[in-house]
Amino acid sequence: ISLNTLSMFLEGLTKEAGPDLLRVKGIIHVHERPDQPAVIQGAQQIFHSIDWMDKWPSDDKRTRIVFITRNIDQDYIEETYNLIERIAERTVAAAENINQK
């Protein structure tokens, strides 16, 4: 996940579903820092700043996020992420296009 996508995803999710996000925590493989996993944690509309681990705790470098929610199903979270990922990709592409001009 790009850092931009991660930030947009967490911000969008907290704005749309914040009261029903009872707990979120995870270890994230961020493209810009592949050797240092990002740690996220929060509840409802409050998310702590992203923390960075010095290294991965094992050879498994996959992103893992746990959501404890009320009235939110997995599909909603996945659809929200997919939408934010597309928006982030388009934002980056538009910025690159502007910089090339």
PDB file of N, CA and C in Angstrom:
ATOM      1  N   ILE A   1       0.857  -1.175   0.000  1.00  0.00           N
ATOM      2  CA  ILE A   1       0.000   0.000   0.000  1.00  0.00           C
ATOM      3  C   ILE A   1       0.901   1.234   0.000  1.00  0.00           C
ATOM      4  N   SER A   2       0.559   2.222  -0.804  1.00  0.00           N
ATOM      5  CA  SER A   2       1.322   3.468  -0.737  1.00  0.00           C
ATOM      6  C   SER A   2       0.923   4.226   0.532  1.00  0.00           C
ATOM      7  N   LEU A   3       1.815   5.040   1.012  1.00  0.00           N
ATOM      8  CA  LEU A   3       1.539   5.823   2.216  1.00  0.00           C
ATOM      9  C   LEU A   3       0.349   6.750   1.989  1.00  0.00           C
ATOM     10  N   ASN A   4       0.259   7.314   0.797  1.00  0.00           N
ATOM     11  CA  ASN A   4      -0.853   8.197   0.453  1.00  0.00           C
ATOM     12  C   ASN A   4      -2.186   7.436   0.499  1.00  0.00           C
ATOM     13  N   THR A   5      -2.213   6.236  -0.081  1.00  0.00           N
ATOM     14  CA  THR A   5      -3.436   5.427  -0.071  1.00  0.00           C
ATOM     15  C   THR A   5      -3.830   5.067   1.357  1.00  0.00           C
ATOM     16  N   LEU A   6      -2.847   4.674   2.159  1.00  0.00           N
ATOM     17  CA  LEU A   6      -3.123   4.319   3.553  1.00  0.00           C
ATOM     18  C   LEU A   6      -3.728   5.494   4.306  1.00  0.00           C
ATOM     19  N   SER A   7      -3.142   6.658   4.158  1.00  0.00           N
ATOM     20  CA  SER A   7      -3.653   7.846   4.850  1.00  0.00           C
ATOM     21  C   SER A   7      -5.067   8.194   4.399  1.00  0.00           C
ATOM     22  N   MET A   8      -5.296   8.150   3.092  1.00  0.00           N
ATOM     23  CA  MET A   8      -6.626   8.465   2.560  1.00  0.00           C
ATOM     24  C   MET A   8      -7.655   7.434   3.025  1.00  0.00           C
ATOM     25  N   PHE A   9      -7.271   6.171   3.058  1.00  0.00           N
ATOM     26  CA  PHE A   9      -8.174   5.105   3.485  1.00  0.00           C
ATOM     27  C   PHE A   9      -8.589   5.286   4.940  1.00  0.00           C
ATOM     28  N   LEU A  10      -7.613   5.515   5.811  1.00  0.00           N
ATOM     29  CA  LEU A  10      -7.935   5.676   7.227  1.00  0.00           C
ATOM     30  C   LEU A  10      -8.784   6.924   7.462  1.00  0.00           C
ATOM     31  N   GLU A  11      -8.453   8.000   6.768  1.00  0.00           N
ATOM     32  CA  GLU A  11      -9.223   9.240   6.919  1.00  0.00           C
ATOM     33  C   GLU A  11     -10.648   9.064   6.410  1.00  0.00           C
ATOM     34  N   GLY A  12     -10.797   8.457   5.242  1.00  0.00           N
ATOM     35  CA  GLY A  12     -12.127   8.253   4.677  1.00  0.00           C
ATOM     36  C   GLY A  12     -12.979   7.322   5.514  1.00  0.00           C
ATOM     37  N   LEU A  13     -12.364   6.254   5.985  1.00  0.00           N
ATOM     38  CA  LEU A  13     -13.100   5.280   6.797  1.00  0.00           C
ATOM     39  C   LEU A  13     -13.559   5.892   8.114  1.00  0.00           C
ATOM     40  N   THR A  14     -12.699   6.686   8.747  1.00  0.00           N
ATOM     41  CA  THR A  14     -13.091   7.289  10.024  1.00  0.00           C
ATOM     42  C   THR A  14     -14.191   8.331   9.831  1.00  0.00           C
ATOM     43  N   LYS A  15     -14.148   9.054   8.722  1.00  0.00           N
ATOM     44  CA  LYS A  15     -15.196  10.052   8.482  1.00  0.00           C
ATOM     45  C   LYS A  15     -16.537   9.401   8.185  1.00  0.00           C
ATOM     46  N   GLU A  16     -16.519   8.324   7.428  1.00  0.00           N
ATOM     47  CA  GLU A  16     -17.763   7.670   7.011  1.00  0.00           C
ATOM     48  C   GLU A  16     -18.325   6.706   8.047  1.00  0.00           C
ATOM     49  N   ALA A  17     -17.448   5.995   8.754  1.00  0.00           N
ATOM     50  CA  ALA A  17     -17.917   4.919   9.634  1.00  0.00           C
ATOM     51  C   ALA A  17     -17.373   5.023  11.051  1.00  0.00           C
ATOM     52  N   GLY A  18     -16.761   6.136  11.386  1.00  0.00           N
ATOM     53  CA  GLY A  18     -16.064   6.302  12.657  1.00  0.00           C
ATOM     54  C   GLY A  18     -16.746   5.759  13.889  1.00  0.00           C
ATOM     55  N   PRO A  19     -17.984   6.139  14.183  1.00  0.00           N
ATOM     56  CA  PRO A  19     -18.621   5.658  15.410  1.00  0.00           C
ATOM     57  C   PRO A  19     -18.737   4.130  15.488  1.00  0.00           C
ATOM     58  N   ASP A  20     -18.749   3.480  14.321  1.00  0.00           N
ATOM     59  CA  ASP A  20     -18.900   2.026  14.302  1.00  0.00           C
ATOM     60  C   ASP A  20     -17.568   1.274  14.168  1.00  0.00           C
ATOM     61  N   LEU A  21     -16.474   2.014  14.137  1.00  0.00           N
ATOM     62  CA  LEU A  21     -15.148   1.380  14.158  1.00  0.00           C
ATOM     63  C   LEU A  21     -14.736   1.247  15.620  1.00  0.00           C
ATOM     64  N   LEU A  22     -15.040   0.127  16.205  1.00  0.00           N
ATOM     65  CA  LEU A  22     -14.769  -0.047  17.628  1.00  0.00           C
ATOM     66  C   LEU A  22     -13.276  -0.197  17.903  1.00  0.00           C
ATOM     67  N   ARG A  23     -12.555  -0.837  16.979  1.00  0.00           N
ATOM     68  CA  ARG A  23     -11.106  -0.986  17.134  1.00  0.00           C
ATOM     69  C   ARG A  23     -10.524  -1.379  15.788  1.00  0.00           C
ATOM     70  N   VAL A  24      -9.411  -0.758  15.431  1.00  0.00           N
ATOM     71  CA  VAL A  24      -8.684  -1.096  14.211  1.00  0.00           C
ATOM     72  C   VAL A  24      -7.210  -1.124  14.562  1.00  0.00           C
ATOM     73  N   LYS A  25      -6.553  -2.200  14.186  1.00  0.00           N
ATOM     74  CA  LYS A  25      -5.101  -2.239  14.364  1.00  0.00           C
ATOM     75  C   LYS A  25      -4.510  -3.100  13.277  1.00  0.00           C
ATOM     76  N   GLY A  26      -3.278  -2.782  12.924  1.00  0.00           N
ATOM     77  CA  GLY A  26      -2.676  -3.552  11.855  1.00  0.00           C
ATOM     78  C   GLY A  26      -1.210  -3.266  11.659  1.00  0.00           C
ATOM     79  N   ILE A  27      -0.617  -4.122  10.848  1.00  0.00           N
ATOM     80  CA  ILE A  27       0.774  -3.981  10.427  1.00  0.00           C
ATOM     81  C   ILE A  27       0.722  -3.896   8.899  1.00  0.00           C
ATOM     82  N   ILE A  28       1.302  -2.845   8.352  1.00  0.00           N
ATOM     83  CA  ILE A  28       1.100  -2.504   6.953  1.00  0.00           C
ATOM     84  C   ILE A  28       2.423  -2.503   6.185  1.00  0.00           C
ATOM     85  N   HIS A  29       2.399  -3.145   5.008  1.00  0.00           N
ATOM     86  CA  HIS A  29       3.540  -3.104   4.096  1.00  0.00           C
ATOM     87  C   HIS A  29       3.365  -1.855   3.222  1.00  0.00           C
ATOM     88  N   VAL A  30       4.155  -0.839   3.489  1.00  0.00           N
ATOM     89  CA  VAL A  30       4.071   0.436   2.774  1.00  0.00           C
ATOM     90  C   VAL A  30       5.141   0.453   1.682  1.00  0.00           C
ATOM     91  N   HIS A  31       4.715   0.750   0.458  1.00  0.00           N
ATOM     92  CA  HIS A  31       5.632   0.722  -0.691  1.00  0.00           C
ATOM     93  C   HIS A  31       6.882   1.575  -0.480  1.00  0.00           C
ATOM     94  N   GLU A  32       6.701   2.742   0.099  1.00  0.00           N
ATOM     95  CA  GLU A  32       7.828   3.663   0.251  1.00  0.00           C
ATOM     96  C   GLU A  32       8.844   3.205   1.304  1.00  0.00           C
ATOM     97  N   ARG A  33       8.457   2.301   2.178  1.00  0.00           N
ATOM     98  CA  ARG A  33       9.352   1.816   3.244  1.00  0.00           C
ATOM     99  C   ARG A  33       9.171   0.309   3.422  1.00  0.00           C
ATOM    100  N   PRO A  34       9.527  -0.480   2.421  1.00  0.00           N
ATOM    101  CA  PRO A  34       9.225  -1.914   2.443  1.00  0.00           C
ATOM    102  C   PRO A  34       9.910  -2.703   3.554  1.00  0.00           C
ATOM    103  N   ASP A  35      11.008  -2.207   4.086  1.00  0.00           N
ATOM    104  CA  ASP A  35      11.719  -2.939   5.139  1.00  0.00           C
ATOM    105  C   ASP A  35      11.246  -2.575   6.541  1.00  0.00           C
ATOM    106  N   GLN A  36      10.400  -1.556   6.646  1.00  0.00           N
ATOM    107  CA  GLN A  36       9.902  -1.114   7.946  1.00  0.00           C
ATOM    108  C   GLN A  36       8.372  -1.120   7.929  1.00  0.00           C
ATOM    109  N   PRO A  37       7.755  -2.062   8.602  1.00  0.00           N
ATOM    110  CA  PRO A  37       6.292  -2.077   8.604  1.00  0.00           C
ATOM    111  C   PRO A  37       5.708  -0.910   9.406  1.00  0.00           C
ATOM    112  N   ALA A  38       4.599  -0.409   8.892  1.00  0.00           N
ATOM    113  CA  ALA A  38       3.864   0.632   9.601  1.00  0.00           C
ATOM    114  C   ALA A  38       2.879  -0.047  10.544  1.00  0.00           C
ATOM    115  N   VAL A  39       2.698   0.533  11.713  1.00  0.00           N
ATOM    116  CA  VAL A  39       1.741   0.021  12.678  1.00  0.00           C
ATOM    117  C   VAL A  39       0.641   1.063  12.825  1.00  0.00           C
ATOM    118  N   ILE A  40      -0.610   0.614  12.631  1.00  0.00           N
ATOM    119  CA  ILE A  40      -1.747   1.517  12.805  1.00  0.00           C
ATOM    120  C   ILE A  40      -2.618   1.003  13.939  1.00  0.00           C
ATOM    121  N   GLN A  41      -3.239   1.946  14.630  1.00  0.00           N
ATOM    122  CA  GLN A  41      -4.202   1.575  15.659  1.00  0.00           C
ATOM    123  C   GLN A  41      -5.110   2.758  15.952  1.00  0.00           C
ATOM    124  N   GLY A  42      -6.353   2.428  16.199  1.00  0.00           N
ATOM    125  CA  GLY A  42      -7.304   3.478  16.501  1.00  0.00           C
ATOM    126  C   GLY A  42      -8.655   2.909  16.850  1.00  0.00           C
ATOM    127  N   ALA A  43      -9.543   3.811  17.199  1.00  0.00           N
ATOM    128  CA  ALA A  43     -10.919   3.450  17.511  1.00  0.00           C
ATOM    129  C   ALA A  43     -11.796   4.645  17.166  1.00  0.00           C
ATOM    130  N   GLN A  44     -12.919   4.356  16.551  1.00  0.00           N
ATOM    131  CA  GLN A  44     -13.891   5.361  16.133  1.00  0.00           C
ATOM    132  C   GLN A  44     -13.195   6.442  15.305  1.00  0.00           C
ATOM    133  N   GLN A  45     -13.279   7.707  15.672  1.00  0.00           N
ATOM    134  CA  GLN A  45     -12.653   8.763  14.865  1.00  0.00           C
ATOM    135  C   GLN A  45     -11.244   9.102  15.317  1.00  0.00           C
ATOM    136  N   ILE A  46     -10.698   8.346  16.235  1.00  0.00           N
ATOM    137  CA  ILE A  46      -9.362   8.661  16.759  1.00  0.00           C
ATOM    138  C   ILE A  46      -8.367   7.597  16.316  1.00  0.00           C
ATOM    139  N   PHE A  47      -7.416   8.018  15.500  1.00  0.00           N
ATOM    140  CA  PHE A  47      -6.334   7.131  15.090  1.00  0.00           C
ATOM    141  C   PHE A  47      -5.017   7.743  15.545  1.00  0.00           C
ATOM    142  N   HIS A  48      -4.169   6.904  16.079  1.00  0.00           N
ATOM    143  CA  HIS A  48      -2.849   7.359  16.487  1.00  0.00           C
ATOM    144  C   HIS A  48      -1.997   7.585  15.242  1.00  0.00           C
ATOM    145  N   SER A  49      -0.947   8.357  15.375  1.00  0.00           N
ATOM    146  CA  SER A  49      -0.012   8.537  14.277  1.00  0.00           C
ATOM    147  C   SER A  49       0.563   7.182  13.884  1.00  0.00           C
ATOM    148  N   ILE A  50       0.915   7.066  12.632  1.00  0.00           N
ATOM    149  CA  ILE A  50       1.531   5.826  12.169  1.00  0.00           C
ATOM    150  C   ILE A  50       2.876   5.654  12.854  1.00  0.00           C
ATOM    151  N   ASP A  51       3.085   4.475  13.430  1.00  0.00           N
ATOM    152  CA  ASP A  51       4.383   4.127  14.016  1.00  0.00           C
ATOM    153  C   ASP A  51       5.105   3.215  13.042  1.00  0.00           C
ATOM    154  N   TRP A  52       6.421   3.259  13.079  1.00  0.00           N
ATOM    155  CA  TRP A  52       7.234   2.429  12.193  1.00  0.00           C
ATOM    156  C   TRP A  52       8.076   1.477  13.020  1.00  0.00           C
ATOM    157  N   MET A  53       8.011   0.195  12.667  1.00  0.00           N
ATOM    158  CA  MET A  53       8.861  -0.792  13.319  1.00  0.00           C
ATOM    159  C   MET A  53      10.230  -0.772  12.632  1.00  0.00           C
ATOM    160  N   ASP A  54      11.273  -1.146  13.349  1.00  0.00           N
ATOM    161  CA  ASP A  54      12.611  -1.184  12.761  1.00  0.00           C
ATOM    162  C   ASP A  54      12.725  -2.231  11.661  1.00  0.00           C
ATOM    163  N   LYS A  55      12.008  -3.351  11.847  1.00  0.00           N
ATOM    164  CA  LYS A  55      12.041  -4.426  10.851  1.00  0.00           C
ATOM    165  C   LYS A  55      10.798  -5.286  11.025  1.00  0.00           C
ATOM    166  N   TRP A  56      10.562  -6.131  10.052  1.00  0.00           N
ATOM    167  CA  TRP A  56       9.433  -7.059  10.116  1.00  0.00           C
ATOM    168  C   TRP A  56       9.711  -8.119  11.171  1.00  0.00           C
ATOM    169  N   PRO A  57       8.686  -8.532  11.909  1.00  0.00           N
ATOM    170  CA  PRO A  57       8.900  -9.528  12.965  1.00  0.00           C
ATOM    171  C   PRO A  57       9.125 -10.942  12.427  1.00  0.00           C
ATOM    172  N   SER A  58       8.832 -11.163  11.148  1.00  0.00           N
ATOM    173  CA  SER A  58       9.050 -12.474  10.533  1.00  0.00           C
ATOM    174  C   SER A  58       9.294 -12.255   9.039  1.00  0.00           C
ATOM    175  N   ASP A  59       9.428 -13.339   8.296  1.00  0.00           N
ATOM    176  CA  ASP A  59       9.609 -13.236   6.849  1.00  0.00           C
ATOM    177  C   ASP A  59       8.309 -12.882   6.128  1.00  0.00           C
ATOM    178  N   ASP A  60       7.193 -12.972   6.810  1.00  0.00           N
ATOM    179  CA  ASP A  60       5.889 -12.660   6.242  1.00  0.00           C
ATOM    180  C   ASP A  60       5.690 -11.144   6.248  1.00  0.00           C
ATOM    181  N   LYS A  61       5.766 -10.546   5.072  1.00  0.00           N
ATOM    182  CA  LYS A  61       5.670  -9.089   4.971  1.00  0.00           C
ATOM    183  C   LYS A  61       4.334  -8.635   4.397  1.00  0.00           C
ATOM    184  N   ARG A  62       3.311  -9.446   4.601  1.00  0.00           N
ATOM    185  CA  ARG A  62       1.983  -9.065   4.121  1.00  0.00           C
ATOM    186  C   ARG A  62       1.311  -8.097   5.085  1.00  0.00           C
ATOM    187  N   THR A  63       0.487  -7.230   4.517  1.00  0.00           N
ATOM    188  CA  THR A  63      -0.337  -6.326   5.317  1.00  0.00           C
ATOM    189  C   THR A  63      -1.414  -7.136   6.027  1.00  0.00           C
ATOM    190  N   ARG A  64      -1.607  -6.808   7.313  1.00  0.00           N
ATOM    191  CA  ARG A  64      -2.652  -7.464   8.105  1.00  0.00           C
ATOM    192  C   ARG A  64      -3.347  -6.393   8.942  1.00  0.00           C
ATOM    193  N   ILE A  65      -4.656  -6.289   8.792  1.00  0.00           N
ATOM    194  CA  ILE A  65      -5.431  -5.313   9.560  1.00  0.00           C
ATOM    195  C   ILE A  65      -6.616  -6.038  10.189  1.00  0.00           C
ATOM    196  N   VAL A  66      -6.855  -5.771  11.469  1.00  0.00           N
ATOM    197  CA  VAL A  66      -7.991  -6.335  12.183  1.00  0.00           C
ATOM    198  C   VAL A  66      -8.985  -5.199  12.445  1.00  0.00           C
ATOM    199  N   PHE A  67     -10.235  -5.444  12.063  1.00  0.00           N
ATOM    200  CA  PHE A  67     -11.309  -4.485  12.294  1.00  0.00           C
ATOM    201  C   PHE A  67     -12.316  -5.113  13.248  1.00  0.00           C
ATOM    202  N   ILE A  68     -12.582  -4.440  14.345  1.00  0.00           N
ATOM    203  CA  ILE A  68     -13.688  -4.817  15.224  1.00  0.00           C
ATOM    204  C   ILE A  68     -14.715  -3.709  15.053  1.00  0.00           C
ATOM    205  N   THR A  69     -15.876  -4.087  14.538  1.00  0.00           N
ATOM    206  CA  THR A  69     -16.856  -3.071  14.147  1.00  0.00           C
ATOM    207  C   THR A  69     -18.249  -3.384  14.674  1.00  0.00           C
ATOM    208  N   ARG A  70     -19.093  -2.389  14.510  1.00  0.00           N
ATOM    209  CA  ARG A  70     -20.520  -2.544  14.810  1.00  0.00           C
ATOM    210  C   ARG A  70     -21.264  -2.131  13.531  1.00  0.00           C
ATOM    211  N   ASN A  71     -22.081  -3.042  13.014  1.00  0.00           N
ATOM    212  CA  ASN A  71     -22.906  -2.764  11.831  1.00  0.00           C
ATOM    213  C   ASN A  71     -22.113  -2.420  10.569  1.00  0.00           C
ATOM    214  N   ILE A  72     -20.880  -2.908  10.465  1.00  0.00           N
ATOM    215  CA  ILE A  72     -20.076  -2.730   9.258  1.00  0.00           C
ATOM    216  C   ILE A  72     -19.628  -4.118   8.827  1.00  0.00           C
ATOM    217  N   ASP A  73     -19.895  -4.450   7.566  1.00  0.00           N
ATOM    218  CA  ASP A  73     -19.446  -5.762   7.106  1.00  0.00           C
ATOM    219  C   ASP A  73     -18.140  -5.648   6.321  1.00  0.00           C
ATOM    220  N   GLN A  74     -17.536  -6.772   6.101  1.00  0.00           N
ATOM    221  CA  GLN A  74     -16.237  -6.837   5.425  1.00  0.00           C
ATOM    222  C   GLN A  74     -16.303  -6.230   4.026  1.00  0.00           C
ATOM    223  N   ASP A  75     -17.397  -6.459   3.318  1.00  0.00           N
ATOM    224  CA  ASP A  75     -17.531  -5.918   1.964  1.00  0.00           C
ATOM    225  C   ASP A  75     -17.432  -4.398   1.951  1.00  0.00           C
ATOM    226  N   TYR A  76     -18.043  -3.755   2.928  1.00  0.00           N
ATOM    227  CA  TYR A  76     -17.992  -2.286   3.000  1.00  0.00           C
ATOM    228  C   TYR A  76     -16.549  -1.810   3.141  1.00  0.00           C
ATOM    229  N   ILE A  77     -15.798  -2.443   4.006  1.00  0.00           N
ATOM    230  CA  ILE A  77     -14.401  -2.050   4.220  1.00  0.00           C
ATOM    231  C   ILE A  77     -13.583  -2.289   2.954  1.00  0.00           C
ATOM    232  N   GLU A  78     -13.769  -3.437   2.327  1.00  0.00           N
ATOM    233  CA  GLU A  78     -13.024  -3.748   1.105  1.00  0.00           C
ATOM    234  C   GLU A  78     -13.398  -2.807  -0.037  1.00  0.00           C
ATOM    235  N   GLU A  79     -14.682  -2.508  -0.187  1.00  0.00           N
ATOM    236  CA  GLU A  79     -15.117  -1.588  -1.235  1.00  0.00           C
ATOM    237  C   GLU A  79     -14.577  -0.179  -0.990  1.00  0.00           C
ATOM    238  N   THR A  80     -14.566   0.242   0.261  1.00  0.00           N
ATOM    239  CA  THR A  80     -14.013   1.557   0.601  1.00  0.00           C
ATOM    240  C   THR A  80     -12.528   1.613   0.252  1.00  0.00           C
ATOM    241  N   TYR A  81     -11.791   0.562   0.608  1.00  0.00           N
ATOM    242  CA  TYR A  81     -10.366   0.533   0.283  1.00  0.00           C
ATOM    243  C   TYR A  81     -10.155   0.574  -1.232  1.00  0.00           C
ATOM    244  N   ASN A  82     -10.896  -0.234  -1.972  1.00  0.00           N
ATOM    245  CA  ASN A  82     -10.729  -0.269  -3.429  1.00  0.00           C
ATOM    246  C   ASN A  82     -11.017   1.091  -4.062  1.00  0.00           C
ATOM    247  N   LEU A  83     -12.042   1.771  -3.573  1.00  0.00           N
ATOM    248  CA  LEU A  83     -12.362   3.105  -4.074  1.00  0.00           C
ATOM    249  C   LEU A  83     -11.231   4.083  -3.771  1.00  0.00           C
ATOM    250  N   ILE A  84     -10.752   4.083  -2.539  1.00  0.00           N
ATOM    251  CA  ILE A  84      -9.673   4.996  -2.150  1.00  0.00           C
ATOM    252  C   ILE A  84      -8.402   4.695  -2.942  1.00  0.00           C
ATOM    253  N   GLU A  85      -8.117   3.426  -3.173  1.00  0.00           N
ATOM    254  CA  GLU A  85      -6.924   3.057  -3.936  1.00  0.00           C
ATOM    255  C   GLU A  85      -7.005   3.609  -5.364  1.00  0.00           C
ATOM    256  N   ARG A  86      -8.174   3.504  -5.990  1.00  0.00           N
ATOM    257  CA  ARG A  86      -8.342   4.053  -7.342  1.00  0.00           C
ATOM    258  C   ARG A  86      -8.189   5.575  -7.337  1.00  0.00           C
ATOM    259  N   ILE A  87      -8.757   6.235  -6.349  1.00  0.00           N
ATOM    260  CA  ILE A  87      -8.639   7.699  -6.250  1.00  0.00           C
ATOM    261  C   ILE A  87      -7.179   8.093  -6.053  1.00  0.00           C
ATOM    262  N   ALA A  88      -6.479   7.393  -5.168  1.00  0.00           N
ATOM    263  CA  ALA A  88      -5.065   7.707  -4.910  1.00  0.00           C
ATOM    264  C   ALA A  88      -4.224   7.513  -6.167  1.00  0.00           C
ATOM    265  N   GLU A  89      -4.471   6.437  -6.911  1.00  0.00           N
ATOM    266  CA  GLU A  89      -3.725   6.187  -8.141  1.00  0.00           C
ATOM    267  C   GLU A  89      -3.977   7.287  -9.166  1.00  0.00           C
ATOM    268  N   ARG A  90      -5.218   7.713  -9.283  1.00  0.00           N
ATOM    269  CA  ARG A  90      -5.545   8.789 -10.227  1.00  0.00           C
ATOM    270  C   ARG A  90      -4.926  10.110  -9.794  1.00  0.00           C
ATOM    271  N   THR A  91      -4.881  10.356  -8.499  1.00  0.00           N
ATOM    272  CA  THR A  91      -4.275  11.585  -7.981  1.00  0.00           C
ATOM    273  C   THR A  91      -2.794  11.624  -8.318  1.00  0.00           C
ATOM    274  N   VAL A  92      -2.112  10.509  -8.110  1.00  0.00           N
ATOM    275  CA  VAL A  92      -0.678  10.425  -8.419  1.00  0.00           C
ATOM    276  C   VAL A  92      -0.459  10.602  -9.918  1.00  0.00           C
ATOM    277  N   ALA A  93      -1.262   9.932 -10.728  1.00  0.00           N
ATOM    278  CA  ALA A  93      -1.119  10.037 -12.180  1.00  0.00           C
ATOM    279  C   ALA A  93      -1.351  11.474 -12.660  1.00  0.00           C
ATOM    280  N   ALA A  94      -2.349  12.141 -12.093  1.00  0.00           N
ATOM    281  CA  ALA A  94      -2.630  13.528 -12.472  1.00  0.00           C
ATOM    282  C   ALA A  94      -1.473  14.438 -12.082  1.00  0.00           C
ATOM    283  N   ALA A  95      -0.912  14.229 -10.900  1.00  0.00           N
ATOM    284  CA  ALA A  95       0.221  15.049 -10.453  1.00  0.00           C
ATOM    285  C   ALA A  95       1.437  14.820 -11.350  1.00  0.00           C
ATOM    286  N   GLU A  96       1.676  13.570 -11.731  1.00  0.00           N
ATOM    287  CA  GLU A  96       2.806  13.274 -12.625  1.00  0.00           C
ATOM    288  C   GLU A  96       2.589  13.920 -13.986  1.00  0.00           C
ATOM    289  N   ASN A  97       1.357  13.915 -14.459  1.00  0.00           N
ATOM    290  CA  ASN A  97       1.030  14.523 -15.738  1.00  0.00           C
ATOM    291  C   ASN A  97       1.262  16.030 -15.706  1.00  0.00           C
ATOM    292  N   ILE A  98       0.887  16.660 -14.607  1.00  0.00           N
ATOM    293  CA  ILE A  98       1.094  18.107 -14.455  1.00  0.00           C
ATOM    294  C   ILE A  98       2.592  18.420 -14.402  1.00  0.00           C
ATOM    295  N   ASN A  99       3.341  17.615 -13.704  1.00  0.00           N
ATOM    296  CA  ASN A  99       4.794  17.838 -13.573  1.00  0.00           C
ATOM    297  C   ASN A  99       5.538  17.652 -14.887  1.00  0.00           C
ATOM    298  N   GLN A 100       4.973  16.868 -15.812  1.00  0.00           N
ATOM    299  CA  GLN A 100       5.617  16.635 -17.098  1.00  0.00           C
ATOM    300  C   GLN A 100       5.388  17.783 -18.058  1.00  0.00           C
ATOM    301  N   LYS A 101       4.416  18.626 -17.771  1.00  0.00           N
ATOM    302  CA  LYS A 101       4.095  19.734 -18.677  1.00  0.00           C
ATOM    303  C   LYS A 101       4.988  20.911 -18.449  1.00  0.00           C
TER     304      LYS A 101
END
